[in-house]
């Protein structure tokens, strides 16, 4: 059963503060027309996958095969998203060796 929480805020500043006031950061979405508000959202939101003006699945789910998916804070462990440039290194072991003879 889906659950939706709705709250009233007085400004974008307050909305961003509330949105970021969590231990998690998987996805976030924003609807707006003013470019300065869109830019502020993209610069300040603390989530691994973000959407602006996306009507279908506005704040949940990635597009598999199209975009990387992963979260920040408690919604991820590395800050790197699977399906992007960092996918392969997530499955490799790095080892630095020094041998003195």
PDB file of N, CA and C in Angstrom:
ATOM      1  N   UNK A   1       0.831  -1.159   0.000  1.00  0.00           N
ATOM      2  CA  UNK A   1       0.000   0.000   0.000  1.00  0.00           C
ATOM      3  C   UNK A   1       0.891   1.244   0.000  1.00  0.00           C
ATOM      4  N   UNK A   2       0.798   2.073  -1.016  1.00  0.00           N
ATOM      5  CA  UNK A   2       1.589   3.303  -1.056  1.00  0.00           C
ATOM      6  C   UNK A   2       1.142   4.284   0.016  1.00  0.00           C
ATOM      7  N   UNK A   3       2.109   5.043   0.525  1.00  0.00           N
ATOM      8  CA  UNK A   3       1.827   6.072   1.518  1.00  0.00           C
ATOM      9  C   UNK A   3       2.425   7.371   1.015  1.00  0.00           C
ATOM     10  N   UNK A   4       1.677   8.452   1.143  1.00  0.00           N
ATOM     11  CA  UNK A   4       2.145   9.766   0.729  1.00  0.00           C
ATOM     12  C   UNK A   4       2.025  10.717   1.907  1.00  0.00           C
ATOM     13  N   UNK A   5       3.120  11.373   2.248  1.00  0.00           N
ATOM     14  CA  UNK A   5       3.109  12.386   3.295  1.00  0.00           C
ATOM     15  C   UNK A   5       3.165  13.755   2.626  1.00  0.00           C
ATOM     16  N   UNK A   6       2.276  14.642   3.029  1.00  0.00           N
ATOM     17  CA  UNK A   6       2.211  15.980   2.458  1.00  0.00           C
ATOM     18  C   UNK A   6       2.317  16.992   3.593  1.00  0.00           C
ATOM     19  N   UNK A   7       3.093  18.028   3.372  1.00  0.00           N
ATOM     20  CA  UNK A   7       3.249  19.070   4.376  1.00  0.00           C
ATOM     21  C   UNK A   7       3.284  20.418   3.664  1.00  0.00           C
ATOM     22  N   UNK A   8       2.950  21.457   4.371  1.00  0.00           N
ATOM     23  CA  UNK A   8       2.970  22.804   3.828  1.00  0.00           C
ATOM     24  C   UNK A   8       4.276  23.478   4.228  1.00  0.00           C
ATOM     25  N   UNK A   9       4.924  24.133   3.266  1.00  0.00           N
ATOM     26  CA  UNK A   9       6.133  24.902   3.546  1.00  0.00           C
ATOM     27  C   UNK A   9       5.943  26.312   2.999  1.00  0.00           C
ATOM     28  N   UNK A  10       6.741  27.228   3.498  1.00  0.00           N
ATOM     29  CA  UNK A  10       6.583  28.621   3.087  1.00  0.00           C
ATOM     30  C   UNK A  10       7.590  29.045   2.026  1.00  0.00           C
ATOM     31  N   UNK A  11       8.595  28.195   1.766  1.00  0.00           N
ATOM     32  CA  UNK A  11       9.616  28.578   0.791  1.00  0.00           C
ATOM     33  C   UNK A  11      10.344  27.336   0.274  1.00  0.00           C
ATOM     34  N   UNK A  12      11.044  27.500  -0.818  1.00  0.00           N
ATOM     35  CA  UNK A  12      11.882  26.425  -1.346  1.00  0.00           C
ATOM     36  C   UNK A  12      12.985  26.096  -0.356  1.00  0.00           C
ATOM     37  N   UNK A  13      13.514  27.119   0.298  1.00  0.00           N
ATOM     38  CA  UNK A  13      14.540  26.925   1.323  1.00  0.00           C
ATOM     39  C   UNK A  13      14.051  25.962   2.411  1.00  0.00           C
ATOM     40  N   UNK A  14      12.851  26.192   2.918  1.00  0.00           N
ATOM     41  CA  UNK A  14      12.287  25.324   3.952  1.00  0.00           C
ATOM     42  C   UNK A  14      12.036  23.918   3.403  1.00  0.00           C
ATOM     43  N   UNK A  15      11.570  23.826   2.175  1.00  0.00           N
ATOM     44  CA  UNK A  15      11.317  22.515   1.565  1.00  0.00           C
ATOM     45  C   UNK A  15      12.610  21.712   1.441  1.00  0.00           C
ATOM     46  N   UNK A  16      13.684  22.355   1.007  1.00  0.00           N
ATOM     47  CA  UNK A  16      14.963  21.656   0.882  1.00  0.00           C
ATOM     48  C   UNK A  16      15.507  21.233   2.236  1.00  0.00           C
ATOM     49  N   UNK A  17      15.347  22.093   3.248  1.00  0.00           N
ATOM     50  CA  UNK A  17      15.789  21.738   4.598  1.00  0.00           C
ATOM     51  C   UNK A  17      15.046  20.506   5.099  1.00  0.00           C
ATOM     52  N   UNK A  18      13.723  20.470   4.907  1.00  0.00           N
ATOM     53  CA  UNK A  18      12.939  19.309   5.350  1.00  0.00           C
ATOM     54  C   UNK A  18      13.295  18.062   4.546  1.00  0.00           C
ATOM     55  N   UNK A  19      13.450  18.219   3.245  1.00  0.00           N
ATOM     56  CA  UNK A  19      13.774  17.064   2.399  1.00  0.00           C
ATOM     57  C   UNK A  19      15.126  16.469   2.767  1.00  0.00           C
ATOM     58  N   UNK A  20      16.082  17.294   3.122  1.00  0.00           N
ATOM     59  CA  UNK A  20      17.422  16.812   3.455  1.00  0.00           C
ATOM     60  C   UNK A  20      17.569  16.390   4.912  1.00  0.00           C
ATOM     61  N   UNK A  21      16.568  16.649   5.732  1.00  0.00           N
ATOM     62  CA  UNK A  21      16.623  16.321   7.157  1.00  0.00           C
ATOM     63  C   UNK A  21      16.231  14.857   7.373  1.00  0.00           C
ATOM     64  N   UNK A  22      17.036  13.980   6.841  1.00  0.00           N
ATOM     65  CA  UNK A  22      16.796  12.539   6.948  1.00  0.00           C
ATOM     66  C   UNK A  22      18.127  11.808   6.853  1.00  0.00           C
ATOM     67  N   UNK A  23      18.141  10.583   7.341  1.00  0.00           N
ATOM     68  CA  UNK A  23      19.352   9.770   7.248  1.00  0.00           C
ATOM     69  C   UNK A  23      19.479   9.121   5.877  1.00  0.00           C
ATOM     70  N   UNK A  24      18.460   9.293   5.039  1.00  0.00           N
ATOM     71  CA  UNK A  24      18.445   8.617   3.745  1.00  0.00           C
ATOM     72  C   UNK A  24      18.488   9.610   2.596  1.00  0.00           C
ATOM     73  N   UNK A  25      18.728   9.121   1.397  1.00  0.00           N
ATOM     74  CA  UNK A  25      18.783   9.999   0.234  1.00  0.00           C
ATOM     75  C   UNK A  25      18.799   9.198  -1.049  1.00  0.00           C
ATOM     76  N   UNK A  26      17.741   8.433  -1.311  1.00  0.00           N
ATOM     77  CA  UNK A  26      17.707   7.608  -2.511  1.00  0.00           C
ATOM     78  C   UNK A  26      17.260   8.415  -3.719  1.00  0.00           C
ATOM     79  N   UNK A  27      16.022   8.894  -3.722  1.00  0.00           N
ATOM     80  CA  UNK A  27      15.528   9.673  -4.852  1.00  0.00           C
ATOM     81  C   UNK A  27      14.794  10.911  -4.363  1.00  0.00           C
ATOM     82  N   UNK A  28      14.701  11.902  -5.250  1.00  0.00           N
ATOM     83  CA  UNK A  28      13.962  13.123  -4.931  1.00  0.00           C
ATOM     84  C   UNK A  28      13.458  13.732  -6.234  1.00  0.00           C
ATOM     85  N   UNK A  29      12.299  14.369  -6.162  1.00  0.00           N
ATOM     86  CA  UNK A  29      11.742  14.996  -7.351  1.00  0.00           C
ATOM     87  C   UNK A  29      11.282  16.414  -7.075  1.00  0.00           C
ATOM     88  N   UNK A  30      11.231  17.204  -8.133  1.00  0.00           N
ATOM     89  CA  UNK A  30      10.856  18.607  -8.022  1.00  0.00           C
ATOM     90  C   UNK A  30      10.087  19.016  -9.268  1.00  0.00           C
ATOM     91  N   UNK A  31       9.009  19.761  -9.063  1.00  0.00           N
ATOM     92  CA  UNK A  31       8.262  20.351 -10.174  1.00  0.00           C
ATOM     93  C   UNK A  31       8.387  21.861 -10.065  1.00  0.00           C
ATOM     94  N   UNK A  32       8.803  22.507 -11.135  1.00  0.00           N
ATOM     95  CA  UNK A  32       8.917  23.957 -11.114  1.00  0.00           C
ATOM     96  C   UNK A  32       9.174  24.512 -12.502  1.00  0.00           C
ATOM     97  N   UNK A  33       8.949  25.822 -12.641  1.00  0.00           N
ATOM     98  CA  UNK A  33       9.174  26.500 -13.919  1.00  0.00           C
ATOM     99  C   UNK A  33      10.322  27.493 -13.855  1.00  0.00           C
ATOM    100  N   UNK A  34      10.603  27.992 -12.668  1.00  0.00           N
ATOM    101  CA  UNK A  34      11.648  29.004 -12.530  1.00  0.00           C
ATOM    102  C   UNK A  34      13.021  28.329 -12.520  1.00  0.00           C
ATOM    103  N   UNK A  35      13.861  28.746 -13.457  1.00  0.00           N
ATOM    104  CA  UNK A  35      15.166  28.111 -13.587  1.00  0.00           C
ATOM    105  C   UNK A  35      16.001  28.245 -12.314  1.00  0.00           C
ATOM    106  N   UNK A  36      15.896  29.385 -11.619  1.00  0.00           N
ATOM    107  CA  UNK A  36      16.687  29.553 -10.397  1.00  0.00           C
ATOM    108  C   UNK A  36      16.232  28.581  -9.305  1.00  0.00           C
ATOM    109  N   UNK A  37      14.955  28.228  -9.264  1.00  0.00           N
ATOM    110  CA  UNK A  37      14.473  27.241  -8.294  1.00  0.00           C
ATOM    111  C   UNK A  37      14.938  25.841  -8.683  1.00  0.00           C
ATOM    112  N   UNK A  38      14.889  25.530  -9.962  1.00  0.00           N
ATOM    113  CA  UNK A  38      15.375  24.228 -10.431  1.00  0.00           C
ATOM    114  C   UNK A  38      16.856  24.090 -10.102  1.00  0.00           C
ATOM    115  N   UNK A  39      17.629  25.124 -10.381  1.00  0.00           N
ATOM    116  CA  UNK A  39      19.067  25.090 -10.090  1.00  0.00           C
ATOM    117  C   UNK A  39      19.329  24.919  -8.597  1.00  0.00           C
ATOM    118  N   UNK A  40      18.566  25.620  -7.760  1.00  0.00           N
ATOM    119  CA  UNK A  40      18.731  25.505  -6.307  1.00  0.00           C
ATOM    120  C   UNK A  40      18.429  24.081  -5.850  1.00  0.00           C
ATOM    121  N   UNK A  41      17.357  23.489  -6.378  1.00  0.00           N
ATOM    122  CA  UNK A  41      17.012  22.112  -6.029  1.00  0.00           C
ATOM    123  C   UNK A  41      18.156  21.173  -6.408  1.00  0.00           C
ATOM    124  N   UNK A  42      18.629  21.273  -7.641  1.00  0.00           N
ATOM    125  CA  UNK A  42      19.679  20.367  -8.114  1.00  0.00           C
ATOM    126  C   UNK A  42      20.987  20.553  -7.354  1.00  0.00           C
ATOM    127  N   UNK A  43      21.289  21.759  -6.936  1.00  0.00           N
ATOM    128  CA  UNK A  43      22.527  22.024  -6.202  1.00  0.00           C
ATOM    129  C   UNK A  43      22.463  21.552  -4.755  1.00  0.00           C
ATOM    130  N   UNK A  44      21.282  21.583  -4.148  1.00  0.00           N
ATOM    131  CA  UNK A  44      21.201  21.376  -2.706  1.00  0.00           C
ATOM    132  C   UNK A  44      20.543  20.077  -2.264  1.00  0.00           C
ATOM    133  N   UNK A  45      19.802  19.398  -3.132  1.00  0.00           N
ATOM    134  CA  UNK A  45      19.117  18.184  -2.691  1.00  0.00           C
ATOM    135  C   UNK A  45      20.149  17.084  -2.436  1.00  0.00           C
ATOM    136  N   UNK A  46      19.946  16.327  -1.374  1.00  0.00           N
ATOM    137  CA  UNK A  46      20.886  15.280  -0.974  1.00  0.00           C
ATOM    138  C   UNK A  46      20.299  13.916  -1.305  1.00  0.00           C
ATOM    139  N   UNK A  47      20.353  13.562  -2.584  1.00  0.00           N
ATOM    140  CA  UNK A  47      19.817  12.276  -3.045  1.00  0.00           C
ATOM    141  C   UNK A  47      20.650  11.792  -4.231  1.00  0.00           C
ATOM    142  N   UNK A  48      20.660  10.492  -4.417  1.00  0.00           N
ATOM    143  CA  UNK A  48      21.464   9.904  -5.484  1.00  0.00           C
ATOM    144  C   UNK A  48      20.837  10.002  -6.859  1.00  0.00           C
ATOM    145  N   UNK A  49      19.521   9.982  -6.940  1.00  0.00           N
ATOM    146  CA  UNK A  49      18.810  10.094  -8.214  1.00  0.00           C
ATOM    147  C   UNK A  49      17.776  11.195  -8.052  1.00  0.00           C
ATOM    148  N   UNK A  50      17.826  12.207  -8.915  1.00  0.00           N
ATOM    149  CA  UNK A  50      16.885  13.321  -8.802  1.00  0.00           C
ATOM    150  C   UNK A  50      16.170  13.557 -10.125  1.00  0.00           C
ATOM    151  N   UNK A  51      14.947  14.025 -10.021  1.00  0.00           N
ATOM    152  CA  UNK A  51      14.113  14.278 -11.191  1.00  0.00           C
ATOM    153  C   UNK A  51      13.549  15.690 -11.118  1.00  0.00           C
ATOM    154  N   UNK A  52      13.452  16.340 -12.265  1.00  0.00           N
ATOM    155  CA  UNK A  52      12.807  17.644 -12.360  1.00  0.00           C
ATOM    156  C   UNK A  52      11.741  17.561 -13.437  1.00  0.00           C
ATOM    157  N   UNK A  53      10.516  17.886 -13.051  1.00  0.00           N
ATOM    158  CA  UNK A  53       9.373  17.923 -13.974  1.00  0.00           C
ATOM    159  C   UNK A  53       9.121  16.588 -14.681  1.00  0.00           C
ATOM    160  N   UNK A  54       9.353  15.491 -13.992  1.00  0.00           N
ATOM    161  CA  UNK A  54       9.084  14.163 -14.547  1.00  0.00           C
ATOM    162  C   UNK A  54       7.723  13.697 -14.039  1.00  0.00           C
ATOM    163  N   UNK A  55       6.761  13.614 -14.937  1.00  0.00           N
ATOM    164  CA  UNK A  55       5.392  13.261 -14.533  1.00  0.00           C
ATOM    165  C   UNK A  55       5.258  11.795 -14.132  1.00  0.00           C
ATOM    166  N   UNK A  56       5.908  10.894 -14.841  1.00  0.00           N
ATOM    167  CA  UNK A  56       5.789   9.459 -14.553  1.00  0.00           C
ATOM    168  C   UNK A  56       6.821   9.059 -13.509  1.00  0.00           C
ATOM    169  N   UNK A  57       6.360   8.602 -12.349  1.00  0.00           N
ATOM    170  CA  UNK A  57       7.281   8.173 -11.298  1.00  0.00           C
ATOM    171  C   UNK A  57       8.171   9.309 -10.844  1.00  0.00           C
ATOM    172  N   UNK A  58       7.572  10.428 -10.526  1.00  0.00           N
ATOM    173  CA  UNK A  58       8.309  11.669 -10.291  1.00  0.00           C
ATOM    174  C   UNK A  58       9.421  11.560  -9.263  1.00  0.00           C
ATOM    175  N   UNK A  59       9.250  10.762  -8.221  1.00  0.00           N
ATOM    176  CA  UNK A  59      10.291  10.715  -7.195  1.00  0.00           C
ATOM    177  C   UNK A  59      10.748   9.300  -6.868  1.00  0.00           C
ATOM    178  N   UNK A  60      10.311   8.328  -7.611  1.00  0.00           N
ATOM    179  CA  UNK A  60      10.740   6.962  -7.305  1.00  0.00           C
ATOM    180  C   UNK A  60      11.159   6.239  -8.563  1.00  0.00           C
ATOM    181  N   UNK A  61      12.113   5.368  -8.400  1.00  0.00           N
ATOM    182  CA  UNK A  61      12.523   4.503  -9.491  1.00  0.00           C
ATOM    183  C   UNK A  61      13.406   5.173 -10.514  1.00  0.00           C
ATOM    184  N   UNK A  62      14.405   4.431 -10.951  1.00  0.00           N
ATOM    185  CA  UNK A  62      15.279   4.899 -12.029  1.00  0.00           C
ATOM    186  C   UNK A  62      14.790   4.296 -13.334  1.00  0.00           C
ATOM    187  N   UNK A  63      15.379   4.736 -14.403  1.00  0.00           N
ATOM    188  CA  UNK A  63      15.102   4.143 -15.716  1.00  0.00           C
ATOM    189  C   UNK A  63      16.205   3.134 -15.984  1.00  0.00           C
ATOM    190  N   UNK A  64      15.971   1.829 -15.705  1.00  0.00           N
ATOM    191  CA  UNK A  64      17.014   0.819 -15.905  1.00  0.00           C
ATOM    192  C   UNK A  64      17.536   0.844 -17.335  1.00  0.00           C
ATOM    193  N   UNK A  65      18.843   0.770 -17.443  1.00  0.00           N
ATOM    194  CA  UNK A  65      19.482   0.789 -18.744  1.00  0.00           C
ATOM    195  C   UNK A  65      19.648   2.178 -19.317  1.00  0.00           C
ATOM    196  N   UNK A  66      19.064   3.183 -18.643  1.00  0.00           N
ATOM    197  CA  UNK A  66      19.140   4.548 -19.149  1.00  0.00           C
ATOM    198  C   UNK A  66      19.950   5.433 -18.209  1.00  0.00           C
ATOM    199  N   UNK A  67      19.761   5.255 -16.905  1.00  0.00           N
ATOM    200  CA  UNK A  67      20.462   6.097 -15.945  1.00  0.00           C
ATOM    201  C   UNK A  67      20.981   5.261 -14.784  1.00  0.00           C
ATOM    202  N   UNK A  68      22.080   5.691 -14.166  1.00  0.00           N
ATOM    203  CA  UNK A  68      22.587   4.991 -12.980  1.00  0.00           C
ATOM    204  C   UNK A  68      21.613   5.141 -11.816  1.00  0.00           C
ATOM    205  N   UNK A  69      21.678   4.214 -10.856  1.00  0.00           N
ATOM    206  CA  UNK A  69      20.771   4.254  -9.712  1.00  0.00           C
ATOM    207  C   UNK A  69      21.544   3.985  -8.435  1.00  0.00           C
ATOM    208  N   UNK A  70      21.363   4.833  -7.444  1.00  0.00           N
ATOM    209  CA  UNK A  70      21.986   4.656  -6.143  1.00  0.00           C
ATOM    210  C   UNK A  70      21.667   5.832  -5.257  1.00  0.00           C
ATOM    211  N   UNK A  71      21.951   5.690  -3.977  1.00  0.00           N
ATOM    212  CA  UNK A  71      21.582   6.737  -3.040  1.00  0.00           C
ATOM    213  C   UNK A  71      22.742   7.326  -2.287  1.00  0.00           C
ATOM    214  N   UNK A  72      22.426   8.357  -1.542  1.00  0.00           N
ATOM    215  CA  UNK A  72      23.387   9.009  -0.649  1.00  0.00           C
ATOM    216  C   UNK A  72      23.001   8.672   0.786  1.00  0.00           C
ATOM    217  N   UNK A  73      23.867   9.015   1.697  1.00  0.00           N
ATOM    218  CA  UNK A  73      23.653   8.815   3.133  1.00  0.00           C
ATOM    219  C   UNK A  73      23.299   7.348   3.403  1.00  0.00           C
ATOM    220  N   UNK A  74      22.246   7.071   4.169  1.00  0.00           N
ATOM    221  CA  UNK A  74      21.873   5.709   4.515  1.00  0.00           C
ATOM    222  C   UNK A  74      21.256   4.919   3.376  1.00  0.00           C
ATOM    223  N   UNK A  75      21.096   5.542   2.218  1.00  0.00           N
ATOM    224  CA  UNK A  75      20.535   4.841   1.056  1.00  0.00           C
ATOM    225  C   UNK A  75      21.618   4.327   0.115  1.00  0.00           C
ATOM    226  N   UNK A  76      22.854   4.428   0.524  1.00  0.00           N
ATOM    227  CA  UNK A  76      23.958   3.936  -0.293  1.00  0.00           C
ATOM    228  C   UNK A  76      25.183   3.775   0.571  1.00  0.00           C
ATOM    229  N   UNK A  77      26.182   3.120   0.043  1.00  0.00           N
ATOM    230  CA  UNK A  77      27.376   2.915   0.852  1.00  0.00           C
ATOM    231  C   UNK A  77      28.607   3.598   0.272  1.00  0.00           C
ATOM    232  N   UNK A  78      28.577   3.958  -1.000  1.00  0.00           N
ATOM    233  CA  UNK A  78      29.773   4.520  -1.609  1.00  0.00           C
ATOM    234  C   UNK A  78      29.564   5.906  -2.198  1.00  0.00           C
ATOM    235  N   UNK A  79      28.330   6.330  -2.423  1.00  0.00           N
ATOM    236  CA  UNK A  79      28.072   7.581  -3.111  1.00  0.00           C
ATOM    237  C   UNK A  79      28.176   7.437  -4.619  1.00  0.00           C
ATOM    238  N   UNK A  80      28.451   6.226  -5.083  1.00  0.00           N
ATOM    239  CA  UNK A  80      28.549   5.939  -6.515  1.00  0.00           C
ATOM    240  C   UNK A  80      27.339   5.110  -6.917  1.00  0.00           C
ATOM    241  N   UNK A  81      26.785   5.402  -8.069  1.00  0.00           N
ATOM    242  CA  UNK A  81      25.568   4.731  -8.510  1.00  0.00           C
ATOM    243  C   UNK A  81      25.868   3.537  -9.405  1.00  0.00           C
ATOM    244  N   UNK A  82      25.083   2.481  -9.265  1.00  0.00           N
ATOM    245  CA  UNK A  82      25.205   1.300 -10.108  1.00  0.00           C
ATOM    246  C   UNK A  82      24.622   1.617 -11.484  1.00  0.00           C
ATOM    247  N   UNK A  83      25.301   1.183 -12.516  1.00  0.00           N
ATOM    248  CA  UNK A  83      24.842   1.432 -13.875  1.00  0.00           C
ATOM    249  C   UNK A  83      25.547   2.613 -14.511  1.00  0.00           C
ATOM    250  N   UNK A  84      26.429   3.251 -13.778  1.00  0.00           N
ATOM    251  CA  UNK A  84      27.169   4.393 -14.296  1.00  0.00           C
ATOM    252  C   UNK A  84      28.640   4.054 -14.455  1.00  0.00           C
ATOM    253  N   UNK A  85      29.453   5.078 -14.453  1.00  0.00           N
ATOM    254  CA  UNK A  85      30.897   4.900 -14.639  1.00  0.00           C
ATOM    255  C   UNK A  85      31.555   4.079 -13.544  1.00  0.00           C
ATOM    256  N   UNK A  86      30.952   4.029 -12.366  1.00  0.00           N
ATOM    257  CA  UNK A  86      31.586   3.377 -11.227  1.00  0.00           C
ATOM    258  C   UNK A  86      31.079   1.957 -10.975  1.00  0.00           C
ATOM    259  N   UNK A  87      30.273   1.417 -11.864  1.00  0.00           N
ATOM    260  CA  UNK A  87      29.709   0.093 -11.638  1.00  0.00           C
ATOM    261  C   UNK A  87      30.786  -0.979 -11.534  1.00  0.00           C
ATOM    262  N   UNK A  88      31.633  -1.083 -12.528  1.00  0.00           N
ATOM    263  CA  UNK A  88      32.652  -2.136 -12.531  1.00  0.00           C
ATOM    264  C   UNK A  88      33.562  -2.055 -11.309  1.00  0.00           C
ATOM    265  N   UNK A  89      34.099  -0.887 -10.952  1.00  0.00           N
ATOM    266  CA  UNK A  89      34.952  -0.836  -9.766  1.00  0.00           C
ATOM    267  C   UNK A  89      34.258  -1.285  -8.472  1.00  0.00           C
ATOM    268  N   UNK A  90      32.934  -1.204  -8.405  1.00  0.00           N
ATOM    269  CA  UNK A  90      32.220  -1.681  -7.210  1.00  0.00           C
ATOM    270  C   UNK A  90      32.384  -3.186  -7.023  1.00  0.00           C
ATOM    271  N   UNK A  91      32.694  -3.887  -8.089  1.00  0.00           N
ATOM    272  CA  UNK A  91      32.816  -5.342  -8.024  1.00  0.00           C
ATOM    273  C   UNK A  91      34.266  -5.812  -8.053  1.00  0.00           C
ATOM    274  N   UNK A  92      35.202  -4.903  -8.033  1.00  0.00           N
ATOM    275  CA  UNK A  92      36.625  -5.246  -8.073  1.00  0.00           C
ATOM    276  C   UNK A  92      37.255  -4.998  -6.710  1.00  0.00           C
ATOM    277  N   UNK A  93      38.351  -5.687  -6.475  1.00  0.00           N
ATOM    278  CA  UNK A  93      39.126  -5.444  -5.266  1.00  0.00           C
ATOM    279  C   UNK A  93      40.376  -4.681  -5.668  1.00  0.00           C
ATOM    280  N   UNK A  94      40.642  -3.615  -4.968  1.00  0.00           N
ATOM    281  CA  UNK A  94      41.843  -2.840  -5.225  1.00  0.00           C
ATOM    282  C   UNK A  94      42.921  -3.287  -4.259  1.00  0.00           C
ATOM    283  N   UNK A  95      44.140  -3.390  -4.777  1.00  0.00           N
ATOM    284  CA  UNK A  95      45.234  -3.810  -3.909  1.00  0.00           C
ATOM    285  C   UNK A  95      46.479  -3.020  -4.279  1.00  0.00           C
ATOM    286  N   UNK A  96      47.053  -2.379  -3.308  1.00  0.00           N
ATOM    287  CA  UNK A  96      48.297  -1.652  -3.505  1.00  0.00           C
ATOM    288  C   UNK A  96      49.427  -2.483  -2.908  1.00  0.00           C
ATOM    289  N   UNK A  97      50.458  -2.752  -3.704  1.00  0.00           N
ATOM    290  CA  UNK A  97      51.553  -3.627  -3.221  1.00  0.00           C
ATOM    291  C   UNK A  97      52.875  -2.883  -3.247  1.00  0.00           C
ATOM    292  N   UNK A  98      53.655  -3.115  -2.232  1.00  0.00           N
ATOM    293  CA  UNK A  98      55.037  -2.630  -2.168  1.00  0.00           C
ATOM    294  C   UNK A  98      55.907  -3.823  -1.815  1.00  0.00           C
ATOM    295  N   UNK A  99      56.874  -4.102  -2.665  1.00  0.00           N
ATOM    296  CA  UNK A  99      57.799  -5.209  -2.433  1.00  0.00           C
ATOM    297  C   UNK A  99      59.211  -4.633  -2.408  1.00  0.00           C
ATOM    298  N   UNK A 100      59.896  -4.806  -1.302  1.00  0.00           N
ATOM    299  CA  UNK A 100      61.262  -4.336  -1.176  1.00  0.00           C
ATOM    300  C   UNK A 100      62.167  -5.557  -1.091  1.00  0.00           C
ATOM    301  N   UNK A 101      63.167  -5.620  -1.999  1.00  0.00           N
ATOM    302  CA  UNK A 101      64.068  -6.778  -1.940  1.00  0.00           C
ATOM    303  C   UNK A 101      65.487  -6.362  -1.617  1.00  0.00           C
TER     304      UNK A 101
END
